[in-house]
Amino acid sequence: MNKSKGLTFILSLLPGLGHFYLGLMNRGLQFMIIFFGAISFADVMIFFGFAIPIIWFYSLFDALQQHKQMEETKELLDSPIIQWGVIQDKKLLFGWGFIILGTVYLLEKVTRYYFDWQIYEISKNVLIGAILVIIGIRLVTGKNIIPTSKPTETHEPEGKVENE
Protein backbone atom coordinates (compact mmCIF):
# COMPACT_ATOMS: atom_id res chain seq x y z
CA MET A 1 0.00 0.00 0.00
CA ASN A 2 1.40 3.39 -0.98
CA LYS A 3 1.55 6.05 1.67
CA SER A 4 1.78 9.72 0.73
CA LYS A 5 5.05 11.44 1.54
CA GLY A 6 3.24 14.78 1.93
CA LEU A 7 0.74 13.34 4.37
CA THR A 8 3.56 11.63 6.26
CA PHE A 9 5.27 15.03 6.58
CA ILE A 10 2.11 16.84 7.71
CA LEU A 11 1.21 14.18 10.27
CA SER A 12 4.81 14.12 11.51
CA LEU A 13 4.45 17.70 12.70
CA LEU A 14 3.08 16.00 15.82
CA PRO A 15 5.81 13.56 16.87
CA GLY A 16 4.73 9.96 16.45
CA LEU A 17 1.66 10.59 14.31
CA GLY A 18 3.54 10.14 11.02
CA HIS A 19 4.90 6.86 12.35
CA PHE A 20 1.36 5.74 13.18
CA TYR A 21 0.33 6.57 9.61
CA LEU A 22 3.15 4.38 8.31
CA GLY A 23 2.05 1.53 10.59
CA LEU A 24 4.94 1.89 13.06
CA MET A 25 2.83 1.86 16.21
CA ASN A 26 5.59 0.99 18.71
CA ARG A 27 7.99 3.61 17.36
CA GLY A 28 5.26 6.26 17.08
CA LEU A 29 4.06 5.68 20.63
CA GLN A 30 7.59 6.00 21.97
CA PHE A 31 8.09 9.30 20.12
CA MET A 32 4.82 10.65 21.56
CA ILE A 33 5.69 9.57 25.10
CA ILE A 34 9.18 11.08 24.87
CA PHE A 35 7.91 14.34 23.32
CA PHE A 36 5.02 14.94 25.70
CA GLY A 37 7.10 13.74 28.64
CA ALA A 38 9.74 16.35 27.81
CA ILE A 39 7.03 19.03 27.66
CA SER A 40 5.64 17.89 31.02
CA PHE A 41 9.04 18.01 32.70
CA ALA A 42 10.19 21.25 31.02
CA ASP A 43 9.60 23.21 34.24
CA VAL A 44 11.51 20.64 36.31
CA MET A 45 14.84 20.95 34.54
CA ILE A 46 15.82 23.32 31.78
CA PHE A 47 17.35 20.39 29.87
CA PHE A 48 13.89 19.09 29.00
CA GLY A 49 13.00 22.46 27.45
CA PHE A 50 16.07 22.27 25.23
CA ALA A 51 15.28 18.67 24.31
CA ILE A 52 11.81 19.45 22.92
CA PRO A 53 12.92 20.84 19.53
CA ILE A 54 15.55 18.10 19.18
CA ILE A 55 12.93 15.40 19.76
CA TRP A 56 10.52 17.15 17.39
CA PHE A 57 13.05 17.41 14.53
CA TYR A 58 14.35 13.89 15.07
CA SER A 59 10.81 12.48 14.97
CA LEU A 60 10.00 14.42 11.80
CA PHE A 61 13.13 13.32 9.94
CA ASP A 62 12.83 9.76 11.22
CA ALA A 63 9.28 9.49 9.84
CA LEU A 64 10.47 10.77 6.47
CA GLN A 65 13.38 8.29 6.50
CA GLN A 66 10.98 5.48 7.37
CA HIS A 67 8.77 6.55 4.44
CA LYS A 68 11.78 6.50 2.10
CA GLN A 69 12.75 3.03 3.35
CA MET A 70 9.17 1.85 2.81
CA GLU A 71 9.27 3.05 -0.80
CA GLU A 72 12.61 1.33 -1.43
CA THR A 73 12.09 -2.00 0.33
CA LYS A 74 8.26 -2.17 0.52
CA GLU A 75 8.43 -3.19 4.17
CA LEU A 76 9.22 -1.57 7.49
CA LEU A 77 10.48 -2.96 10.77
CA ASP A 78 8.75 -1.40 13.79
CA SER A 79 11.89 -1.27 15.91
CA PRO A 80 11.63 0.73 19.13
CA ILE A 81 13.71 3.86 19.69
CA ILE A 82 14.51 2.84 23.24
CA GLN A 83 15.50 -0.77 23.76
CA TRP A 84 14.14 -1.70 27.20
CA GLY A 85 16.93 -4.22 27.66
CA VAL A 86 19.45 -1.36 27.64
CA ILE A 87 17.62 0.29 30.53
CA GLN A 88 17.62 -2.99 32.47
CA ASP A 89 21.36 -3.38 31.82
CA LYS A 90 22.07 0.17 33.04
CA LYS A 91 19.46 0.34 35.78
CA LEU A 92 21.99 1.40 38.40
CA LEU A 93 22.97 4.44 36.32
CA PHE A 94 19.36 5.33 35.57
CA GLY A 95 18.44 4.78 39.21
CA TRP A 96 21.03 7.21 40.51
CA GLY A 97 19.98 9.66 37.80
CA PHE A 98 16.37 9.53 39.02
CA ILE A 99 17.48 9.94 42.63
CA ILE A 100 19.57 13.00 41.75
CA LEU A 101 16.85 14.54 39.56
CA GLY A 102 14.22 13.95 42.23
CA THR A 103 16.37 15.39 45.00
CA VAL A 104 17.25 18.50 42.98
CA TYR A 105 13.60 18.94 42.07
CA LEU A 106 12.49 18.63 45.69
CA LEU A 107 15.10 21.05 46.97
CA GLU A 108 14.40 23.61 44.25
CA LYS A 109 10.63 23.52 44.66
CA VAL A 110 10.51 23.42 48.46
CA THR A 111 12.98 26.28 48.91
CA ARG A 112 11.27 28.29 46.16
CA TYR A 113 7.89 28.13 47.89
CA TYR A 114 9.11 27.98 51.48
CA PHE A 115 8.42 31.64 52.19
CA ASP A 116 5.21 31.88 50.15
CA TRP A 117 3.47 29.05 52.01
CA GLN A 118 1.69 27.85 48.91
CA ILE A 119 0.76 24.49 50.35
CA TYR A 120 -0.82 23.16 47.16
CA GLU A 121 2.21 23.94 45.02
CA ILE A 122 4.61 22.58 47.63
CA SER A 123 2.72 19.32 48.06
CA LYS A 124 2.35 18.81 44.31
CA ASN A 125 6.04 19.39 43.72
CA VAL A 126 7.10 17.26 46.67
CA LEU A 127 4.96 14.44 45.31
CA ILE A 128 6.57 14.62 41.85
CA GLY A 129 10.04 14.70 43.35
CA ALA A 130 9.26 11.83 45.70
CA ILE A 131 8.02 9.73 42.77
CA LEU A 132 11.28 10.34 40.92
CA VAL A 133 13.30 9.38 44.00
CA ILE A 134 11.24 6.22 44.57
CA ILE A 135 11.70 5.14 40.93
CA GLY A 136 15.42 5.75 41.28
CA ILE A 137 15.68 3.77 44.51
CA ARG A 138 13.76 0.85 42.99
CA LEU A 139 16.13 0.83 40.01
CA VAL A 140 19.20 0.99 42.25
CA THR A 141 17.97 -1.80 44.53
CA GLY A 142 17.17 -4.00 41.55
CA LYS A 143 13.41 -4.20 41.83
CA ASN A 144 11.64 -4.22 38.46
CA ILE A 145 9.44 -1.25 37.65
CA ILE A 146 8.09 -2.78 34.46
CA PRO A 147 6.66 -6.21 35.26
CA THR A 148 8.14 -8.98 33.20
CA SER A 149 6.40 -12.21 32.42
CA LYS A 150 7.73 -15.18 34.30
CA PRO A 151 9.03 -17.97 32.12
CA THR A 152 6.89 -21.04 32.13
CA GLU A 153 8.24 -23.95 34.08
CA THR A 154 9.44 -26.84 32.03
CA HIS A 155 9.11 -30.32 33.36
CA GLU A 156 11.87 -32.68 32.44
CA PRO A 157 10.78 -36.18 31.57
CA GLU A 158 11.03 -38.50 34.48
CA GLY A 159 13.90 -40.92 34.27
CA LYS A 160 14.29 -44.28 35.83
CA VAL A 161 14.07 -44.28 39.56
CA GLU A 162 16.88 -46.23 41.14
CA ASN A 163 16.01 -48.42 44.06
CA GLU A 164 18.49 -48.82 46.85
C-alpha atoms as a PDB file:
ATOM      1  CA  MET A   1       0.000   0.000   0.000  1.00  0.00           C
ATOM      2  CA  ASN A   2       1.404   3.385  -0.977  1.00  0.00           C
ATOM      3  CA  LYS A   3       1.549   6.048   1.671  1.00  0.00           C
ATOM      4  CA  SER A   4       1.776   9.718   0.728  1.00  0.00           C
ATOM      5  CA  LYS A   5       5.051  11.443   1.541  1.00  0.00           C
ATOM      6  CA  GLY A   6       3.239  14.776   1.927  1.00  0.00           C
ATOM      7  CA  LEU A   7       0.735  13.344   4.372  1.00  0.00           C
ATOM      8  CA  THR A   8       3.560  11.633   6.257  1.00  0.00           C
ATOM      9  CA  PHE A   9       5.272  15.027   6.578  1.00  0.00           C
ATOM     10  CA  ILE A  10       2.113  16.843   7.714  1.00  0.00           C
ATOM     11  CA  LEU A  11       1.205  14.177  10.271  1.00  0.00           C
ATOM     12  CA  SER A  12       4.812  14.123  11.512  1.00  0.00           C
ATOM     13  CA  LEU A  13       4.451  17.697  12.701  1.00  0.00           C
ATOM     14  CA  LEU A  14       3.081  15.996  15.817  1.00  0.00           C
ATOM     15  CA  PRO A  15       5.807  13.557  16.875  1.00  0.00           C
ATOM     16  CA  GLY A  16       4.731   9.956  16.450  1.00  0.00           C
ATOM     17  CA  LEU A  17       1.665  10.591  14.309  1.00  0.00           C
ATOM     18  CA  GLY A  18       3.542  10.144  11.023  1.00  0.00           C
ATOM     19  CA  HIS A  19       4.901   6.861  12.353  1.00  0.00           C
ATOM     20  CA  PHE A  20       1.361   5.743  13.177  1.00  0.00           C
ATOM     21  CA  TYR A  21       0.330   6.569   9.606  1.00  0.00           C
ATOM     22  CA  LEU A  22       3.147   4.379   8.312  1.00  0.00           C
ATOM     23  CA  GLY A  23       2.050   1.532  10.590  1.00  0.00           C
ATOM     24  CA  LEU A  24       4.939   1.894  13.057  1.00  0.00           C
ATOM     25  CA  MET A  25       2.830   1.855  16.214  1.00  0.00           C
ATOM     26  CA  ASN A  26       5.592   0.985  18.710  1.00  0.00           C
ATOM     27  CA  ARG A  27       7.987   3.612  17.358  1.00  0.00           C
ATOM     28  CA  GLY A  28       5.256   6.261  17.084  1.00  0.00           C
ATOM     29  CA  LEU A  29       4.055   5.682  20.628  1.00  0.00           C
ATOM     30  CA  GLN A  30       7.588   5.998  21.973  1.00  0.00           C
ATOM     31  CA  PHE A  31       8.087   9.302  20.117  1.00  0.00           C
ATOM     32  CA  MET A  32       4.822  10.647  21.561  1.00  0.00           C
ATOM     33  CA  ILE A  33       5.686   9.570  25.100  1.00  0.00           C
ATOM     34  CA  ILE A  34       9.176  11.077  24.872  1.00  0.00           C
ATOM     35  CA  PHE A  35       7.915  14.340  23.321  1.00  0.00           C
ATOM     36  CA  PHE A  36       5.025  14.944  25.696  1.00  0.00           C
ATOM     37  CA  GLY A  37       7.101  13.736  28.640  1.00  0.00           C
ATOM     38  CA  ALA A  38       9.739  16.352  27.806  1.00  0.00           C
ATOM     39  CA  ILE A  39       7.026  19.027  27.662  1.00  0.00           C
ATOM     40  CA  SER A  40       5.640  17.886  31.023  1.00  0.00           C
ATOM     41  CA  PHE A  41       9.042  18.015  32.697  1.00  0.00           C
ATOM     42  CA  ALA A  42      10.186  21.247  31.022  1.00  0.00           C
ATOM     43  CA  ASP A  43       9.598  23.207  34.238  1.00  0.00           C
ATOM     44  CA  VAL A  44      11.514  20.642  36.305  1.00  0.00           C
ATOM     45  CA  MET A  45      14.841  20.955  34.544  1.00  0.00           C
ATOM     46  CA  ILE A  46      15.816  23.322  31.777  1.00  0.00           C
ATOM     47  CA  PHE A  47      17.346  20.394  29.871  1.00  0.00           C
ATOM     48  CA  PHE A  48      13.889  19.092  28.996  1.00  0.00           C
ATOM     49  CA  GLY A  49      13.001  22.457  27.445  1.00  0.00           C
ATOM     50  CA  PHE A  50      16.071  22.274  25.228  1.00  0.00           C
ATOM     51  CA  ALA A  51      15.284  18.672  24.309  1.00  0.00           C
ATOM     52  CA  ILE A  52      11.814  19.449  22.924  1.00  0.00           C
ATOM     53  CA  PRO A  53      12.920  20.844  19.525  1.00  0.00           C
ATOM     54  CA  ILE A  54      15.553  18.097  19.183  1.00  0.00           C
ATOM     55  CA  ILE A  55      12.934  15.404  19.764  1.00  0.00           C
ATOM     56  CA  TRP A  56      10.521  17.152  17.388  1.00  0.00           C
ATOM     57  CA  PHE A  57      13.046  17.406  14.533  1.00  0.00           C
ATOM     58  CA  TYR A  58      14.347  13.888  15.075  1.00  0.00           C
ATOM     59  CA  SER A  59      10.815  12.483  14.975  1.00  0.00           C
ATOM     60  CA  LEU A  60       9.998  14.420  11.801  1.00  0.00           C
ATOM     61  CA  PHE A  61      13.126  13.325   9.944  1.00  0.00           C
ATOM     62  CA  ASP A  62      12.830   9.756  11.220  1.00  0.00           C
ATOM     63  CA  ALA A  63       9.279   9.486   9.844  1.00  0.00           C
ATOM     64  CA  LEU A  64      10.472  10.768   6.469  1.00  0.00           C
ATOM     65  CA  GLN A  65      13.376   8.295   6.496  1.00  0.00           C
ATOM     66  CA  GLN A  66      10.984   5.482   7.367  1.00  0.00           C
ATOM     67  CA  HIS A  67       8.767   6.545   4.440  1.00  0.00           C
ATOM     68  CA  LYS A  68      11.781   6.505   2.104  1.00  0.00           C
ATOM     69  CA  GLN A  69      12.746   3.032   3.348  1.00  0.00           C
ATOM     70  CA  MET A  70       9.169   1.853   2.814  1.00  0.00           C
ATOM     71  CA  GLU A  71       9.267   3.050  -0.805  1.00  0.00           C
ATOM     72  CA  GLU A  72      12.606   1.334  -1.432  1.00  0.00           C
ATOM     73  CA  THR A  73      12.086  -1.997   0.328  1.00  0.00           C
ATOM     74  CA  LYS A  74       8.259  -2.168   0.523  1.00  0.00           C
ATOM     75  CA  GLU A  75       8.430  -3.195   4.172  1.00  0.00           C
ATOM     76  CA  LEU A  76       9.216  -1.572   7.495  1.00  0.00           C
ATOM     77  CA  LEU A  77      10.480  -2.959  10.771  1.00  0.00           C
ATOM     78  CA  ASP A  78       8.754  -1.397  13.791  1.00  0.00           C
ATOM     79  CA  SER A  79      11.891  -1.273  15.911  1.00  0.00           C
ATOM     80  CA  PRO A  80      11.634   0.734  19.125  1.00  0.00           C
ATOM     81  CA  ILE A  81      13.707   3.863  19.694  1.00  0.00           C
ATOM     82  CA  ILE A  82      14.510   2.837  23.244  1.00  0.00           C
ATOM     83  CA  GLN A  83      15.496  -0.769  23.760  1.00  0.00           C
ATOM     84  CA  TRP A  84      14.135  -1.702  27.200  1.00  0.00           C
ATOM     85  CA  GLY A  85      16.935  -4.222  27.658  1.00  0.00           C
ATOM     86  CA  VAL A  86      19.452  -1.357  27.636  1.00  0.00           C
ATOM     87  CA  ILE A  87      17.625   0.288  30.528  1.00  0.00           C
ATOM     88  CA  GLN A  88      17.620  -2.988  32.472  1.00  0.00           C
ATOM     89  CA  ASP A  89      21.364  -3.383  31.824  1.00  0.00           C
ATOM     90  CA  LYS A  90      22.075   0.170  33.038  1.00  0.00           C
ATOM     91  CA  LYS A  91      19.461   0.343  35.780  1.00  0.00           C
ATOM     92  CA  LEU A  92      21.994   1.398  38.405  1.00  0.00           C
ATOM     93  CA  LEU A  93      22.974   4.440  36.318  1.00  0.00           C
ATOM     94  CA  PHE A  94      19.355   5.330  35.572  1.00  0.00           C
ATOM     95  CA  GLY A  95      18.442   4.778  39.214  1.00  0.00           C
ATOM     96  CA  TRP A  96      21.028   7.211  40.510  1.00  0.00           C
ATOM     97  CA  GLY A  97      19.980   9.662  37.801  1.00  0.00           C
ATOM     98  CA  PHE A  98      16.371   9.534  39.023  1.00  0.00           C
ATOM     99  CA  ILE A  99      17.484   9.940  42.630  1.00  0.00           C
ATOM    100  CA  ILE A 100      19.573  12.998  41.745  1.00  0.00           C
ATOM    101  CA  LEU A 101      16.850  14.545  39.556  1.00  0.00           C
ATOM    102  CA  GLY A 102      14.219  13.950  42.231  1.00  0.00           C
ATOM    103  CA  THR A 103      16.366  15.386  44.998  1.00  0.00           C
ATOM    104  CA  VAL A 104      17.251  18.495  42.976  1.00  0.00           C
ATOM    105  CA  TYR A 105      13.603  18.939  42.068  1.00  0.00           C
ATOM    106  CA  LEU A 106      12.492  18.626  45.686  1.00  0.00           C
ATOM    107  CA  LEU A 107      15.097  21.050  46.969  1.00  0.00           C
ATOM    108  CA  GLU A 108      14.398  23.606  44.246  1.00  0.00           C
ATOM    109  CA  LYS A 109      10.632  23.522  44.657  1.00  0.00           C
ATOM    110  CA  VAL A 110      10.514  23.416  48.459  1.00  0.00           C
ATOM    111  CA  THR A 111      12.978  26.282  48.906  1.00  0.00           C
ATOM    112  CA  ARG A 112      11.271  28.295  46.164  1.00  0.00           C
ATOM    113  CA  TYR A 113       7.891  28.134  47.895  1.00  0.00           C
ATOM    114  CA  TYR A 114       9.111  27.982  51.482  1.00  0.00           C
ATOM    115  CA  PHE A 115       8.418  31.638  52.192  1.00  0.00           C
ATOM    116  CA  ASP A 116       5.207  31.881  50.145  1.00  0.00           C
ATOM    117  CA  TRP A 117       3.469  29.047  52.012  1.00  0.00           C
ATOM    118  CA  GLN A 118       1.686  27.854  48.910  1.00  0.00           C
ATOM    119  CA  ILE A 119       0.756  24.489  50.350  1.00  0.00           C
ATOM    120  CA  TYR A 120      -0.819  23.164  47.161  1.00  0.00           C
ATOM    121  CA  GLU A 121       2.211  23.941  45.024  1.00  0.00           C
ATOM    122  CA  ILE A 122       4.607  22.580  47.633  1.00  0.00           C
ATOM    123  CA  SER A 123       2.716  19.316  48.057  1.00  0.00           C
ATOM    124  CA  LYS A 124       2.351  18.808  44.306  1.00  0.00           C
ATOM    125  CA  ASN A 125       6.042  19.392  43.719  1.00  0.00           C
ATOM    126  CA  VAL A 126       7.096  17.261  46.674  1.00  0.00           C
ATOM    127  CA  LEU A 127       4.957  14.442  45.307  1.00  0.00           C
ATOM    128  CA  ILE A 128       6.567  14.617  41.849  1.00  0.00           C
ATOM    129  CA  GLY A 129      10.045  14.699  43.353  1.00  0.00           C
ATOM    130  CA  ALA A 130       9.258  11.830  45.699  1.00  0.00           C
ATOM    131  CA  ILE A 131       8.019   9.729  42.774  1.00  0.00           C
ATOM    132  CA  LEU A 132      11.282  10.340  40.916  1.00  0.00           C
ATOM    133  CA  VAL A 133      13.304   9.385  44.001  1.00  0.00           C
ATOM    134  CA  ILE A 134      11.238   6.219  44.566  1.00  0.00           C
ATOM    135  CA  ILE A 135      11.703   5.145  40.933  1.00  0.00           C
ATOM    136  CA  GLY A 136      15.425   5.745  41.281  1.00  0.00           C
ATOM    137  CA  ILE A 137      15.679   3.766  44.511  1.00  0.00           C
ATOM    138  CA  ARG A 138      13.755   0.852  42.985  1.00  0.00           C
ATOM    139  CA  LEU A 139      16.133   0.835  40.015  1.00  0.00           C
ATOM    140  CA  VAL A 140      19.203   0.988  42.250  1.00  0.00           C
ATOM    141  CA  THR A 141      17.968  -1.797  44.532  1.00  0.00           C
ATOM    142  CA  GLY A 142      17.172  -4.000  41.553  1.00  0.00           C
ATOM    143  CA  LYS A 143      13.408  -4.202  41.834  1.00  0.00           C
ATOM    144  CA  ASN A 144      11.643  -4.217  38.465  1.00  0.00           C
ATOM    145  CA  ILE A 145       9.440  -1.250  37.652  1.00  0.00           C
ATOM    146  CA  ILE A 146       8.093  -2.784  34.460  1.00  0.00           C
ATOM    147  CA  PRO A 147       6.659  -6.205  35.256  1.00  0.00           C
ATOM    148  CA  THR A 148       8.143  -8.979  33.203  1.00  0.00           C
ATOM    149  CA  SER A 149       6.401 -12.212  32.416  1.00  0.00           C
ATOM    150  CA  LYS A 150       7.734 -15.177  34.303  1.00  0.00           C
ATOM    151  CA  PRO A 151       9.028 -17.973  32.124  1.00  0.00           C
ATOM    152  CA  THR A 152       6.888 -21.041  32.130  1.00  0.00           C
ATOM    153  CA  GLU A 153       8.239 -23.952  34.083  1.00  0.00           C
ATOM    154  CA  THR A 154       9.435 -26.842  32.034  1.00  0.00           C
ATOM    155  CA  HIS A 155       9.110 -30.323  33.358  1.00  0.00           C
ATOM    156  CA  GLU A 156      11.867 -32.676  32.441  1.00  0.00           C
ATOM    157  CA  PRO A 157      10.780 -36.184  31.575  1.00  0.00           C
ATOM    158  CA  GLU A 158      11.028 -38.496  34.476  1.00  0.00           C
ATOM    159  CA  GLY A 159      13.900 -40.918  34.275  1.00  0.00           C
ATOM    160  CA  LYS A 160      14.291 -44.283  35.834  1.00  0.00           C
ATOM    161  CA  VAL A 161      14.071 -44.277  39.565  1.00  0.00           C
ATOM    162  CA  GLU A 162      16.881 -46.227  41.141  1.00  0.00           C
ATOM    163  CA  ASN A 163      16.007 -48.419  44.061  1.00  0.00           C
ATOM    164  CA  GLU A 164      18.486 -48.824  46.855  1.00  0.00           C
END
